[in-house]
PDB file of all heavy atoms in Angstrom:
ATOM      1  N   PHE A   1      14.816   8.362  -8.436  1.00  0.00           N
ATOM      2  CA  PHE A   1      15.830   7.617  -9.191  1.00  0.00           C
ATOM      3  C   PHE A   1      15.619   7.913 -10.674  1.00  0.00           C
ATOM      4  O   PHE A   1      14.485   8.015 -11.143  1.00  0.00           O
ATOM      5  CB  PHE A   1      15.694   6.109  -8.911  1.00  0.00           C
ATOM      6  CG  PHE A   1      16.696   5.262  -9.631  1.00  0.00           C
ATOM      7  CD1 PHE A   1      18.046   5.382  -9.358  1.00  0.00           C
ATOM      8  CD2 PHE A   1      16.290   4.335 -10.581  1.00  0.00           C
ATOM      9  CE1 PHE A   1      18.982   4.599 -10.022  1.00  0.00           C
ATOM     10  CE2 PHE A   1      17.211   3.543 -11.251  1.00  0.00           C
ATOM     11  CZ  PHE A   1      18.563   3.673 -10.972  1.00  0.00           C
ATOM     12  N   ARG A   2      16.710   8.099 -11.401  1.00  0.00           N
ATOM     13  CA  ARG A   2      16.649   8.462 -12.815  1.00  0.00           C
ATOM     14  C   ARG A   2      15.848   9.759 -13.008  1.00  0.00           C
ATOM     15  O   ARG A   2      15.119   9.913 -13.985  1.00  0.00           O
ATOM     16  CB  ARG A   2      16.021   7.342 -13.646  1.00  0.00           C
ATOM     17  CG  ARG A   2      16.835   6.062 -13.669  1.00  0.00           C
ATOM     18  CD  ARG A   2      16.177   5.018 -14.546  1.00  0.00           C
ATOM     19  NE  ARG A   2      16.941   3.769 -14.554  1.00  0.00           N
ATOM     20  CZ  ARG A   2      16.552   2.667 -15.193  1.00  0.00           C
ATOM     21  NH1 ARG A   2      15.416   2.665 -15.874  1.00  0.00           N
ATOM     22  NH2 ARG A   2      17.296   1.571 -15.152  1.00  0.00           N
ATOM     23  N   GLY A   3      15.997  10.646 -12.051  1.00  0.00           N
ATOM     24  CA  GLY A   3      15.330  11.939 -12.161  1.00  0.00           C
ATOM     25  C   GLY A   3      13.830  11.876 -11.993  1.00  0.00           C
ATOM     26  O   GLY A   3      13.125  12.854 -12.275  1.00  0.00           O
ATOM     27  N   GLY A   4      13.310  10.728 -11.524  1.00  0.00           N
ATOM     28  CA  GLY A   4      11.870  10.593 -11.355  1.00  0.00           C
ATOM     29  C   GLY A   4      11.129  10.674 -12.673  1.00  0.00           C
ATOM     30  O   GLY A   4       9.988  11.130 -12.734  1.00  0.00           O
ATOM     31  N   SER A   5      11.793  10.211 -13.754  1.00  0.00           N
ATOM     32  CA  SER A   5      11.208  10.310 -15.095  1.00  0.00           C
ATOM     33  C   SER A   5       9.969   9.433 -15.246  1.00  0.00           C
ATOM     34  O   SER A   5       9.098   9.714 -16.055  1.00  0.00           O
ATOM     35  CB  SER A   5      12.242   9.946 -16.151  1.00  0.00           C
ATOM     36  OG  SER A   5      12.795   8.655 -15.887  1.00  0.00           O
ATOM     37  N   GLU A   6       9.890   8.367 -14.461  1.00  0.00           N
ATOM     38  CA  GLU A   6       8.737   7.475 -14.497  1.00  0.00           C
ATOM     39  C   GLU A   6       8.130   7.378 -13.108  1.00  0.00           C
ATOM     40  O   GLU A   6       8.808   7.600 -12.100  1.00  0.00           O
ATOM     41  CB  GLU A   6       9.160   6.088 -14.985  1.00  0.00           C
ATOM     42  CG  GLU A   6       9.753   6.069 -16.390  1.00  0.00           C
ATOM     43  CD  GLU A   6      10.177   4.670 -16.804  1.00  0.00           C
ATOM     44  OE1 GLU A   6       9.443   3.715 -16.472  1.00  0.00           O
ATOM     45  OE2 GLU A   6      11.240   4.535 -17.444  1.00  0.00           O
ATOM     46  N   GLU A   7       6.832   7.034 -13.068  1.00  0.00           N
ATOM     47  CA  GLU A   7       6.121   6.971 -11.782  1.00  0.00           C
ATOM     48  C   GLU A   7       6.799   6.018 -10.796  1.00  0.00           C
ATOM     49  O   GLU A   7       6.888   6.311  -9.604  1.00  0.00           O
ATOM     50  CB  GLU A   7       4.669   6.532 -12.020  1.00  0.00           C
ATOM     51  CG  GLU A   7       3.790   7.579 -12.680  1.00  0.00           C
ATOM     52  CD  GLU A   7       3.515   8.763 -11.772  1.00  0.00           C
ATOM     53  OE1 GLU A   7       3.091   8.548 -10.624  1.00  0.00           O
ATOM     54  OE2 GLU A   7       3.757   9.904 -12.208  1.00  0.00           O
ATOM     55  N   VAL A   8       7.287   4.884 -11.297  1.00  0.00           N
ATOM     56  CA  VAL A   8       7.857   3.876 -10.391  1.00  0.00           C
ATOM     57  C   VAL A   8       9.202   4.300  -9.821  1.00  0.00           C
ATOM     58  O   VAL A   8       9.714   3.648  -8.907  1.00  0.00           O
ATOM     59  CB  VAL A   8       8.014   2.521 -11.113  1.00  0.00           C
ATOM     60  CG1 VAL A   8       6.661   1.935 -11.449  1.00  0.00           C
ATOM     61  CG2 VAL A   8       8.874   2.669 -12.360  1.00  0.00           C
ATOM     62  N   TYR A   9       9.782   5.380 -10.327  1.00  0.00           N
ATOM     63  CA  TYR A   9      11.071   5.850  -9.824  1.00  0.00           C
ATOM     64  C   TYR A   9      10.941   7.132  -8.995  1.00  0.00           C
ATOM     65  O   TYR A   9      11.934   7.788  -8.702  1.00  0.00           O
ATOM     66  CB  TYR A   9      12.037   6.088 -10.985  1.00  0.00           C
ATOM     67  CG  TYR A   9      12.388   4.835 -11.756  1.00  0.00           C
ATOM     68  CD1 TYR A   9      12.314   4.805 -13.146  1.00  0.00           C
ATOM     69  CD2 TYR A   9      12.788   3.678 -11.086  1.00  0.00           C
ATOM     70  CE1 TYR A   9      12.634   3.653 -13.855  1.00  0.00           C
ATOM     71  CE2 TYR A   9      13.112   2.523 -11.792  1.00  0.00           C
ATOM     72  CZ  TYR A   9      13.026   2.514 -13.166  1.00  0.00           C
ATOM     73  OH  TYR A   9      13.343   1.366 -13.853  1.00  0.00           O
ATOM     74  N   LYS A  10       9.722   7.486  -8.631  1.00  0.00           N
ATOM     75  CA  LYS A  10       9.508   8.702  -7.843  1.00  0.00           C
ATOM     76  C   LYS A  10       9.454   8.387  -6.354  1.00  0.00           C
ATOM     77  O   LYS A  10       8.970   7.330  -5.940  1.00  0.00           O
ATOM     78  CB  LYS A  10       8.201   9.388  -8.272  1.00  0.00           C
ATOM     79  CG  LYS A  10       8.247   9.989  -9.664  1.00  0.00           C
ATOM     80  CD  LYS A  10       6.942  10.690  -9.998  1.00  0.00           C
ATOM     81  CE  LYS A  10       7.008  11.342 -11.371  1.00  0.00           C
ATOM     82  NZ  LYS A  10       5.738  12.048 -11.704  1.00  0.00           N
ATOM     83  N   CYS A  11       9.958   9.317  -5.556  1.00  0.00           N
ATOM     84  CA  CYS A  11       9.881   9.159  -4.115  1.00  0.00           C
ATOM     85  C   CYS A  11       8.447   9.456  -3.656  1.00  0.00           C
ATOM     86  O   CYS A  11       7.616   9.951  -4.421  1.00  0.00           O
ATOM     87  CB  CYS A  11      10.871  10.086  -3.411  1.00  0.00           C
ATOM     88  SG  CYS A  11      10.481  11.845  -3.598  1.00  0.00           S
ATOM     89  N   VAL A  12       8.171   9.160  -2.403  1.00  0.00           N
ATOM     90  CA  VAL A  12       6.846   9.403  -1.834  1.00  0.00           C
ATOM     91  C   VAL A  12       6.967  10.498  -0.782  1.00  0.00           C
ATOM     92  O   VAL A  12       7.715  10.358   0.186  1.00  0.00           O
ATOM     93  CB  VAL A  12       6.274   8.119  -1.189  1.00  0.00           C
ATOM     94  CG1 VAL A  12       4.929   8.403  -0.540  1.00  0.00           C
ATOM     95  CG2 VAL A  12       6.158   7.008  -2.221  1.00  0.00           C
ATOM     96  N   LYS A  13       6.252  11.609  -1.002  1.00  0.00           N
ATOM     97  CA  LYS A  13       6.221  12.698  -0.034  1.00  0.00           C
ATOM     98  C   LYS A  13       4.800  12.850   0.472  1.00  0.00           C
ATOM     99  O   LYS A  13       3.856  12.907  -0.324  1.00  0.00           O
ATOM    100  CB  LYS A  13       6.691  14.010  -0.667  1.00  0.00           C
ATOM    101  CG  LYS A  13       8.158  14.020  -1.071  1.00  0.00           C
ATOM    102  CD  LYS A  13       8.549  15.372  -1.656  1.00  0.00           C
ATOM    103  CE  LYS A  13      10.002  15.375  -2.107  1.00  0.00           C
ATOM    104  NZ  LYS A  13      10.395  16.680  -2.694  1.00  0.00           N
ATOM    105  N   MET A  14       4.649  12.918   1.773  1.00  0.00           N
ATOM    106  CA  MET A  14       3.314  12.993   2.355  1.00  0.00           C
ATOM    107  C   MET A  14       3.257  14.002   3.501  1.00  0.00           C
ATOM    108  O   MET A  14       4.238  14.227   4.201  1.00  0.00           O
ATOM    109  CB  MET A  14       2.874  11.616   2.851  1.00  0.00           C
ATOM    110  CG  MET A  14       3.738  11.060   3.969  1.00  0.00           C
ATOM    111  SD  MET A  14       3.310   9.353   4.395  1.00  0.00           S
ATOM    112  CE  MET A  14       4.184   8.462   3.123  1.00  0.00           C
ATOM    113  N   ARG A  15       2.099  14.629   3.616  1.00  0.00           N
ATOM    114  CA  ARG A  15       1.826  15.500   4.759  1.00  0.00           C
ATOM    115  C   ARG A  15       1.045  14.683   5.786  1.00  0.00           C
ATOM    116  O   ARG A  15       0.087  13.981   5.439  1.00  0.00           O
ATOM    117  CB  ARG A  15       1.015  16.719   4.330  1.00  0.00           C
ATOM    118  CG  ARG A  15       0.772  17.720   5.464  1.00  0.00           C
ATOM    119  CD  ARG A  15      -0.262  18.761   5.059  1.00  0.00           C
ATOM    120  NE  ARG A  15       0.176  19.486   3.883  1.00  0.00           N
ATOM    121  CZ  ARG A  15       0.961  20.568   3.930  1.00  0.00           C
ATOM    122  NH1 ARG A  15       1.378  21.023   5.101  1.00  0.00           N
ATOM    123  NH2 ARG A  15       1.308  21.185   2.819  1.00  0.00           N
ATOM    124  N   LEU A  16       1.451  14.762   7.039  1.00  0.00           N
ATOM    125  CA  LEU A  16       0.821  13.973   8.094  1.00  0.00           C
ATOM    126  C   LEU A  16      -0.208  14.802   8.845  1.00  0.00           C
ATOM    127  O   LEU A  16       0.066  15.922   9.271  1.00  0.00           O
ATOM    128  CB  LEU A  16       1.883  13.456   9.068  1.00  0.00           C
ATOM    129  CG  LEU A  16       3.019  12.623   8.456  1.00  0.00           C
ATOM    130  CD1 LEU A  16       4.024  12.228   9.536  1.00  0.00           C
ATOM    131  CD2 LEU A  16       2.479  11.389   7.750  1.00  0.00           C
ATOM    132  N   GLU A  17      -1.394  14.246   8.988  1.00  0.00           N
ATOM    133  CA  GLU A  17      -2.442  14.864   9.786  1.00  0.00           C
ATOM    134  C   GLU A  17      -2.671  13.976  11.001  1.00  0.00           C
ATOM    135  O   GLU A  17      -3.028  12.805  10.872  1.00  0.00           O
ATOM    136  CB  GLU A  17      -3.736  15.007   8.985  1.00  0.00           C
ATOM    137  CG  GLU A  17      -3.616  15.938   7.794  1.00  0.00           C
ATOM    138  CD  GLU A  17      -4.916  16.045   7.023  1.00  0.00           C
ATOM    139  OE1 GLU A  17      -5.942  15.508   7.508  1.00  0.00           O
ATOM    140  OE2 GLU A  17      -4.918  16.649   5.940  1.00  0.00           O
ATOM    141  N   ILE A  18      -2.445  14.535  12.181  1.00  0.00           N
ATOM    142  CA  ILE A  18      -2.535  13.759  13.408  1.00  0.00           C
ATOM    143  C   ILE A  18      -3.818  14.095  14.158  1.00  0.00           C
ATOM    144  O   ILE A  18      -4.109  15.268  14.429  1.00  0.00           O
ATOM    145  CB  ILE A  18      -1.320  14.035  14.321  1.00  0.00           C
ATOM    146  CG1 ILE A  18      -0.007  13.818  13.551  1.00  0.00           C
ATOM    147  CG2 ILE A  18      -1.369  13.158  15.566  1.00  0.00           C
ATOM    148  CD1 ILE A  18       0.217  12.412  13.093  1.00  0.00           C
ATOM    149  N   ASN A  19      -4.588  13.062  14.489  1.00  0.00           N
ATOM    150  CA  ASN A  19      -5.793  13.208  15.321  1.00  0.00           C
ATOM    151  C   ASN A  19      -6.763  14.256  14.785  1.00  0.00           C
ATOM    152  O   ASN A  19      -7.291  15.078  15.535  1.00  0.00           O
ATOM    153  CB  ASN A  19      -5.404  13.543  16.769  1.00  0.00           C
ATOM    154  CG  ASN A  19      -4.509  12.486  17.387  1.00  0.00           C
ATOM    155  OD1 ASN A  19      -4.586  11.321  17.028  1.00  0.00           O
ATOM    156  ND2 ASN A  19      -3.654  12.899  18.311  1.00  0.00           N
ATOM    157  N   ARG A  20      -7.000  14.240  13.459  1.00  0.00           N
ATOM    158  CA  ARG A  20      -7.937  15.200  12.866  1.00  0.00           C
ATOM    159  C   ARG A  20      -9.128  14.492  12.214  1.00  0.00           C
ATOM    160  O   ARG A  20      -9.784  15.058  11.343  1.00  0.00           O
ATOM    161  CB  ARG A  20      -7.213  16.057  11.821  1.00  0.00           C
ATOM    162  CG  ARG A  20      -6.120  16.924  12.441  1.00  0.00           C
ATOM    163  CD  ARG A  20      -5.367  17.731  11.416  1.00  0.00           C
ATOM    164  NE  ARG A  20      -6.187  18.751  10.807  1.00  0.00           N
ATOM    165  CZ  ARG A  20      -5.726  19.667   9.949  1.00  0.00           C
ATOM    166  NH1 ARG A  20      -4.444  19.661   9.631  1.00  0.00           N
ATOM    167  NH2 ARG A  20      -6.518  20.569   9.433  1.00  0.00           N
ATOM    168  N   SER A  21      -9.404  13.268  12.649  1.00  0.00           N
ATOM    169  CA  SER A  21     -10.535  12.533  12.079  1.00  0.00           C
ATOM    170  C   SER A  21     -11.860  13.213  12.387  1.00  0.00           C
ATOM    171  O   SER A  21     -12.855  12.985  11.699  1.00  0.00           O
ATOM    172  CB  SER A  21     -10.555  11.091  12.596  1.00  0.00           C
ATOM    173  OG  SER A  21     -10.635  11.067  14.003  1.00  0.00           O
ATOM    174  N   TRP A  22     -11.890  14.074  13.409  1.00  0.00           N
ATOM    175  CA  TRP A  22     -13.123  14.784  13.750  1.00  0.00           C
ATOM    176  C   TRP A  22     -13.589  15.672  12.597  1.00  0.00           C
ATOM    177  O   TRP A  22     -14.769  15.980  12.477  1.00  0.00           O
ATOM    178  CB  TRP A  22     -12.907  15.643  14.996  1.00  0.00           C
ATOM    179  CG  TRP A  22     -11.798  16.657  14.857  1.00  0.00           C
ATOM    180  CD1 TRP A  22     -10.477  16.466  15.175  1.00  0.00           C
ATOM    181  CD2 TRP A  22     -11.890  17.977  14.339  1.00  0.00           C
ATOM    182  NE1 TRP A  22      -9.744  17.584  14.897  1.00  0.00           N
ATOM    183  CE2 TRP A  22     -10.583  18.538  14.385  1.00  0.00           C
ATOM    184  CE3 TRP A  22     -12.935  18.758  13.848  1.00  0.00           C
ATOM    185  CZ2 TRP A  22     -10.312  19.838  13.955  1.00  0.00           C
ATOM    186  CZ3 TRP A  22     -12.663  20.053  13.419  1.00  0.00           C
ATOM    187  CH2 TRP A  22     -11.371  20.574  13.480  1.00  0.00           C
ATOM    188  N   GLN A  23     -12.648  16.088  11.725  1.00  0.00           N
ATOM    189  CA  GLN A  23     -13.023  16.958  10.611  1.00  0.00           C
ATOM    190  C   GLN A  23     -13.887  16.245   9.581  1.00  0.00           C
ATOM    191  O   GLN A  23     -14.564  16.888   8.786  1.00  0.00           O
ATOM    192  CB  GLN A  23     -11.762  17.508   9.930  1.00  0.00           C
ATOM    193  CG  GLN A  23     -10.997  18.504  10.785  1.00  0.00           C
ATOM    194  CD  GLN A  23      -9.802  19.078  10.068  1.00  0.00           C
ATOM    195  OE1 GLN A  23      -9.193  18.400   9.233  1.00  0.00           O
ATOM    196  NE2 GLN A  23      -9.446  20.308  10.362  1.00  0.00           N
ATOM    197  N   LYS A  24     -13.876  14.916   9.586  1.00  0.00           N
ATOM    198  CA  LYS A  24     -14.661  14.168   8.621  1.00  0.00           C
ATOM    199  C   LYS A  24     -16.068  13.890   9.120  1.00  0.00           C
ATOM    200  O   LYS A  24     -16.911  13.392   8.364  1.00  0.00           O
ATOM    201  CB  LYS A  24     -13.955  12.840   8.298  1.00  0.00           C
ATOM    202  CG  LYS A  24     -12.577  13.006   7.665  1.00  0.00           C
ATOM    203  CD  LYS A  24     -11.943  11.678   7.398  1.00  0.00           C
ATOM    204  CE  LYS A  24     -12.715  10.862   6.391  1.00  0.00           C
ATOM    205  NZ  LYS A  24     -12.044   9.576   6.085  1.00  0.00           N
TER     206      LYS A  24
END
């Protein structure tokens, strides 16, 4: 919103990792 000029107006994009807790 408003071109994402401020942090509170930015969308949230995430990469999903499924069942990879073994890597930790």
